[in-house]
Protein backbone atom coordinates (compact mmCIF):
# COMPACT_ATOMS: atom_id res chain seq x y z
CA MET A 1 -23.01 -115.63 63.45
CA LEU A 2 -24.02 -113.47 60.78
CA LEU A 3 -25.13 -110.98 62.65
CA ASN A 4 -21.17 -110.94 63.99
CA LYS A 5 -19.80 -110.63 60.59
CA LEU A 6 -22.38 -107.29 59.83
CA ARG A 7 -21.13 -105.61 62.39
CA SER A 8 -17.75 -106.24 62.06
CA LEU A 9 -17.98 -105.18 58.64
CA PHE A 10 -19.30 -101.94 59.56
CA GLU A 11 -16.76 -101.08 61.49
CA SER A 12 -13.78 -101.42 59.88
CA GLU A 13 -11.54 -98.68 58.72
CA ALA A 14 -13.00 -96.73 55.63
CA PRO A 15 -10.60 -97.30 52.73
CA GLN A 16 -8.15 -94.65 52.16
CA ILE A 17 -8.62 -92.61 48.87
CA HIS A 18 -5.20 -91.44 47.66
CA ARG A 19 -5.48 -88.13 45.23
CA LYS A 20 -2.06 -86.80 43.28
CA PRO A 21 -1.15 -83.64 44.11
CA THR A 22 -2.55 -80.76 41.40
CA ILE A 23 0.42 -79.18 39.48
CA ARG A 24 -0.37 -75.66 38.14
CA GLN A 25 0.43 -75.14 34.54
CA TYR A 26 2.61 -71.44 34.23
CA SER A 27 3.19 -69.92 30.64
CA THR A 28 6.60 -70.18 29.52
CA ALA A 29 6.04 -66.79 27.68
CA ILE A 30 8.55 -64.35 29.21
CA SER A 31 6.50 -61.50 30.49
CA PRO A 32 7.92 -57.87 29.36
CA ALA A 33 10.15 -55.87 31.70
CA HIS A 34 7.59 -53.20 30.69
CA PRO A 35 4.14 -54.29 29.99
CA THR A 36 2.12 -52.34 27.55
CA PRO A 37 -0.49 -50.28 29.38
CA PRO A 38 -4.37 -50.69 28.68
CA SER A 39 -5.64 -48.71 25.60
CA ILE A 40 -7.27 -45.81 27.21
CA SER A 41 -10.34 -44.60 25.74
CA HIS A 42 -10.99 -41.53 24.95
CA HIS A 43 -14.09 -41.15 27.14
CA ILE A 44 -15.22 -39.77 30.30
CA SER A 45 -18.29 -41.78 32.75
CA ASN A 46 -20.38 -39.70 34.00
CA PRO A 47 -21.95 -40.44 37.56
CA VAL A 48 -24.94 -42.36 35.32
CA GLY A 49 -22.41 -44.74 34.31
CA ARG A 50 -22.56 -43.44 30.35
CA ALA A 51 -19.10 -42.97 28.57
CA ILE A 52 -19.00 -38.77 27.66
CA PRO A 53 -16.85 -38.52 24.55
CA VAL A 54 -14.03 -36.35 24.89
CA THR A 55 -13.94 -33.63 21.67
CA GLN A 56 -10.23 -32.46 21.01
CA ALA A 57 -10.16 -28.96 19.76
CA LYS A 58 -7.60 -28.40 16.37
CA PRO A 59 -4.76 -26.50 16.52
CA VAL A 60 -4.98 -23.04 15.54
CA ALA A 61 -1.82 -22.22 13.39
CA ARG A 62 -0.08 -19.09 14.52
CA THR A 63 2.43 -16.82 13.04
CA ASN A 64 4.70 -13.90 15.24
CA GLY A 65 1.85 -15.01 17.76
CA LEU A 66 -0.96 -13.90 15.34
CA THR A 67 -3.19 -16.44 14.53
CA THR A 68 -4.06 -17.36 10.78
CA THR A 69 -7.54 -15.53 11.46
CA ASP A 70 -5.97 -12.00 12.72
CA THR A 71 -3.88 -12.18 9.71
CA GLN A 72 -6.34 -12.33 7.04
CA GLU A 73 -8.29 -9.59 8.92
CA GLU A 74 -5.09 -7.25 8.97
CA ALA A 75 -4.79 -8.08 5.28
CA GLN A 76 -7.95 -7.36 4.94
CA GLU A 77 -8.26 -3.94 6.73
CA TYR A 78 -5.15 -2.47 5.27
CA LEU A 79 -6.72 -3.29 1.53
CA GLY A 80 -9.70 -1.19 3.03
CA ARG A 81 -7.19 1.65 3.32
CA VAL A 82 -5.53 1.21 0.25
CA GLN A 83 -9.34 1.56 -1.66
CA VAL A 84 -9.92 4.48 0.48
CA LYS A 85 -6.60 5.74 -0.78
CA ILE A 86 -7.36 5.08 -3.98
CA GLY A 87 -11.00 7.23 -3.88
CA LYS A 88 -9.25 10.16 -2.70
CA LEU A 89 -6.69 10.37 -5.42
CA ALA A 90 -10.35 10.83 -7.75
CA GLU A 91 -10.77 13.69 -5.81
CA GLU A 92 -7.10 14.90 -5.44
CA PHE A 93 -7.01 15.16 -9.40
CA ALA A 94 -10.57 16.65 -9.82
CA SER A 95 -9.62 19.49 -7.09
CA GLY A 96 -5.75 19.98 -9.48
CA MET A 97 -3.54 18.97 -6.55
CA ILE A 98 -2.14 16.38 -8.62
CA ASN A 99 -1.21 15.84 -12.18
CA ARG A 100 -2.06 13.39 -15.02
CA GLU A 101 1.27 11.91 -14.30
CA GLN A 102 1.10 11.67 -10.71
CA PHE A 103 -2.91 10.40 -10.73
CA GLN A 104 -1.77 7.04 -13.08
CA GLU A 105 1.38 5.98 -11.69
CA LEU A 106 0.03 6.33 -8.02
CA TYR A 107 -3.25 4.23 -9.18
CA ASP A 108 -1.01 1.27 -10.95
CA HIS A 109 1.13 1.53 -7.87
CA TYR A 110 -1.92 1.14 -5.54
CA GLN A 111 -2.99 -1.83 -7.78
CA ARG A 112 -0.02 -3.49 -7.99
CA GLU A 113 -0.36 -3.43 -4.24
CA ILE A 114 -3.52 -5.03 -4.18
CA ARG A 115 -2.70 -7.77 -6.23
CA THR A 116 0.23 -8.72 -4.27
CA ILE A 117 -1.46 -8.95 -1.22
CA GLU A 118 -4.35 -11.09 -2.43
CA THR A 119 -1.96 -13.45 -4.14
CA TRP A 120 0.13 -13.85 -0.59
CA MET A 121 -3.17 -14.42 1.07
CA ASP A 122 -4.76 -17.16 -1.44
CA LEU A 123 -1.15 -18.73 -1.38
CA ALA A 124 -0.19 -18.48 2.40
CA PRO A 125 -3.38 -17.60 4.24
CA GLN A 126 -1.66 -18.80 7.58
CA SER A 127 1.47 -16.30 7.16
CA ASP A 128 1.84 -12.65 7.64
CA ALA A 129 3.90 -12.31 4.61
CA TRP A 130 1.56 -10.39 2.62
CA ARG A 131 3.06 -7.38 5.05
CA ASP A 132 6.56 -7.58 2.75
CA ALA A 133 4.45 -6.57 -0.23
CA SER A 134 2.48 -3.84 1.45
CA SER A 135 4.38 -0.12 0.55
CA GLU A 136 2.49 1.96 2.54
CA GLY A 137 4.34 5.31 2.30
CA ARG A 138 5.47 4.15 -1.15
CA SER A 139 2.95 6.58 -2.58
CA ILE A 140 4.66 9.75 -0.93
CA VAL A 141 8.12 8.95 -3.78
CA ILE A 142 5.67 8.52 -6.25
CA ARG A 143 4.11 11.94 -6.05
CA LYS A 144 7.25 13.80 -5.59
CA GLN A 145 9.03 11.31 -8.66
CA HIS A 146 6.30 12.35 -10.75
CA MET A 147 5.26 16.13 -9.60
CA ALA A 148 6.03 18.64 -11.82
CA ARG A 149 8.73 20.80 -10.98
CA ILE A 150 9.22 24.52 -12.20
CA LEU A 151 12.96 24.68 -13.85
CA GLY A 152 12.35 28.63 -15.26
CA TYR A 153 10.29 31.94 -16.29
CA ALA A 154 10.49 34.56 -18.96
CA VAL A 155 8.45 37.47 -18.77
CA TYR A 156 7.78 39.41 -21.76
CA LYS A 157 6.38 42.42 -23.00
CA ASN A 158 2.74 42.48 -24.60
CA ASP A 159 3.57 45.32 -26.95
CA SER A 160 6.85 45.13 -27.59
CA GLY A 161 7.43 41.57 -27.18
CA MET A 162 10.96 42.49 -25.56
CA PRO A 163 12.18 40.26 -22.70
CA VAL A 164 11.29 41.67 -19.69
CA ALA A 165 13.36 39.44 -17.10
CA THR A 166 14.55 35.77 -17.25
CA ILE A 167 14.47 33.57 -14.31
CA GLY A 168 16.51 30.13 -13.72
CA LYS A 169 16.89 27.64 -16.28
CA PHE A 170 14.47 28.48 -19.12
CA GLU A 171 16.14 26.31 -21.15
CA VAL A 172 13.53 26.57 -24.20
CA ASP A 173 14.69 27.14 -28.48
CA ALA A 174 14.06 30.61 -29.06
CA ALA A 175 13.07 29.80 -32.56
CA LEU A 176 9.89 27.58 -30.67
CA TYR A 177 8.79 29.94 -28.07
CA VAL A 178 9.05 33.19 -29.88
CA PRO A 179 6.53 32.62 -32.54
CA MET A 180 4.62 30.85 -30.15
CA LEU A 181 4.64 33.99 -28.06
CA SER A 182 3.67 36.31 -30.84
CA SER A 183 0.75 34.51 -31.84
CA TYR A 184 -0.73 34.33 -28.27
CA ARG A 185 0.01 38.15 -28.06
CA SER A 186 -1.85 38.91 -31.03
CA ALA A 187 -4.04 35.77 -31.32
CA ALA A 188 -4.62 35.22 -27.86
CA TRP A 189 -8.08 34.23 -28.10
CA GLU A 190 -8.28 33.22 -31.18
CA ILE A 191 -5.21 30.61 -30.97
CA PHE A 192 -5.25 29.94 -27.66
CA GLY A 193 -8.59 31.37 -25.92
CA ALA A 194 -8.77 33.18 -23.05
CA GLY A 195 -6.58 32.96 -20.32
CA MET A 196 -3.63 30.45 -19.28
CA ARG A 197 -2.81 27.69 -21.67
CA SER A 198 -0.09 24.92 -21.26
CA LEU A 199 1.47 22.79 -24.17
CA GLN A 200 3.76 19.86 -23.97
CA ILE A 201 7.35 20.72 -26.17
CA GLU A 202 9.74 18.33 -26.37
CA ASN A 203 11.63 15.96 -23.82
CA GLY A 204 8.18 15.63 -21.86
CA ARG A 205 8.14 19.33 -20.82
CA TRP A 206 5.66 21.72 -20.86
CA LEU A 207 5.32 24.67 -21.44
CA CYS A 208 2.89 27.75 -19.64
CA PHE A 209 1.90 30.85 -20.84
CA VAL A 210 0.31 33.01 -18.41
CA PRO A 211 -1.12 36.40 -19.84
CA GLY A 212 -1.25 40.01 -17.76
CA GLU A 213 -2.15 43.37 -18.02
CA SER A 214 1.36 44.60 -19.42
CA THR A 215 3.19 41.56 -19.65
CA THR A 216 3.28 37.56 -20.16
CA LEU A 217 4.85 34.88 -18.29
CA MET A 218 5.91 31.63 -19.86
CA ALA A 219 6.96 28.92 -17.28
CA LEU A 220 9.06 25.77 -18.01
CA PHE A 221 7.68 22.31 -16.58
CA SER A 222 9.31 19.60 -16.07
CA THR A 223 6.22 17.63 -16.57
CA GLU A 224 2.49 18.56 -16.92
CA PRO A 225 1.52 20.24 -13.89
CA ALA A 226 -1.39 19.87 -12.23
CA SER A 227 -3.94 22.77 -12.32
CA LYS A 228 -3.67 23.74 -8.74
CA GLN A 229 0.34 24.65 -10.33
CA LEU A 230 -1.17 26.86 -12.78
CA LYS A 231 -3.62 28.32 -10.75
CA SER A 232 -0.96 29.17 -8.44
CA LEU A 233 1.72 30.68 -11.10
CA ASP A 234 -1.38 32.79 -12.43
CA GLN A 235 -1.04 34.37 -8.60
CA MET A 236 1.98 34.97 -8.42
CA HIS A 237 2.16 36.58 -11.89
CA ARG A 238 -0.10 38.87 -11.12
CA LEU A 239 1.76 40.00 -7.74
CA PHE A 240 4.74 40.69 -9.95
CA GLU A 241 2.62 42.93 -12.16
CA ARG A 242 1.44 44.82 -8.99
CA ALA A 243 4.11 45.04 -7.20
CA ASN A 244 6.49 46.07 -10.09
CA ARG A 245 3.42 48.34 -11.73
CA HIS A 246 5.75 51.74 -11.91
CA LEU A 247 8.80 49.85 -13.34
CA LEU A 248 7.05 48.13 -15.73
CA SER A 249 4.64 51.20 -17.08
CA SER A 250 8.28 52.80 -17.87
CA PRO A 251 9.22 52.73 -21.84
CA VAL A 252 12.62 51.26 -20.34
CA ILE A 253 12.82 48.84 -17.52
CA ASP A 254 15.42 47.89 -15.17
CA ALA A 255 15.04 44.22 -14.91
CA ASN A 256 17.80 44.82 -11.59
CA ALA A 257 15.31 46.80 -10.29
CA LEU A 258 12.12 44.43 -10.32
CA VAL A 259 10.96 41.88 -7.42
CA LEU A 260 10.72 38.42 -8.64
CA PRO A 261 8.80 36.19 -6.69
CA HIS A 262 9.33 33.61 -9.02
CA GLN A 263 12.78 32.88 -7.79
CA SER A 264 11.37 31.39 -4.61
CA PHE A 265 10.06 28.63 -6.59
CA VAL A 266 13.55 27.98 -8.56
CA GLY A 267 15.75 28.95 -6.33
CA HIS A 268 18.18 30.62 -8.72
CA LYS A 269 18.74 34.04 -8.93
CA ARG A 270 18.88 36.50 -11.89
């Protein structure tokens, strides 16, 4: 009987185990229509797996297609050319090609140009505005403005002190130059020294004395002449005396018969 009870116990169906269904929990947060993409690191993975940092080059400032470095280099090259001009200026004055006023005005012009360009380079190194400060070609205008111009001539006989010819606008008070001319003829060595001499008179003009064998030439300049101009003046007066030597040796000189190379420089007929 006990055996039967045990058999019936083991042959009975196993009890059913009921599990509650698992309900997945979802977030009530609403996802955005365009989710934010994950941040991208500025690294490149090499085959080994190590991250290689990527260095981004800094942008180079450009002005009119030129980089800041190009602009600075061009400005420095221009300043170098200006320094060469200054050195040439000294040689031109030493050789007599320009007068003192031309030298001073040109030198001041070059110095102003250098200072202005250097200021632009310091204030705006990325800009090519320094070009507006450069004034290449302006020196030509300055040379012409301050170059001595011949205003007129007067030729006098050495022995008598009588006038031979007047060319151009020789507008000098006779009370000023006649005593000077007389002193030049009678005591040239003591007062003026040998050879050609020039001196400043009123209104910034200059009067130049050029001695010859039979005549003395007085030339009136708008400002101080360069030494090379004075040499040309001396050569012209020698040519005048050589061409007119027969007429100048006559007691009475016919001024209308003289050839006057001076007219080429003043543009005035007698």
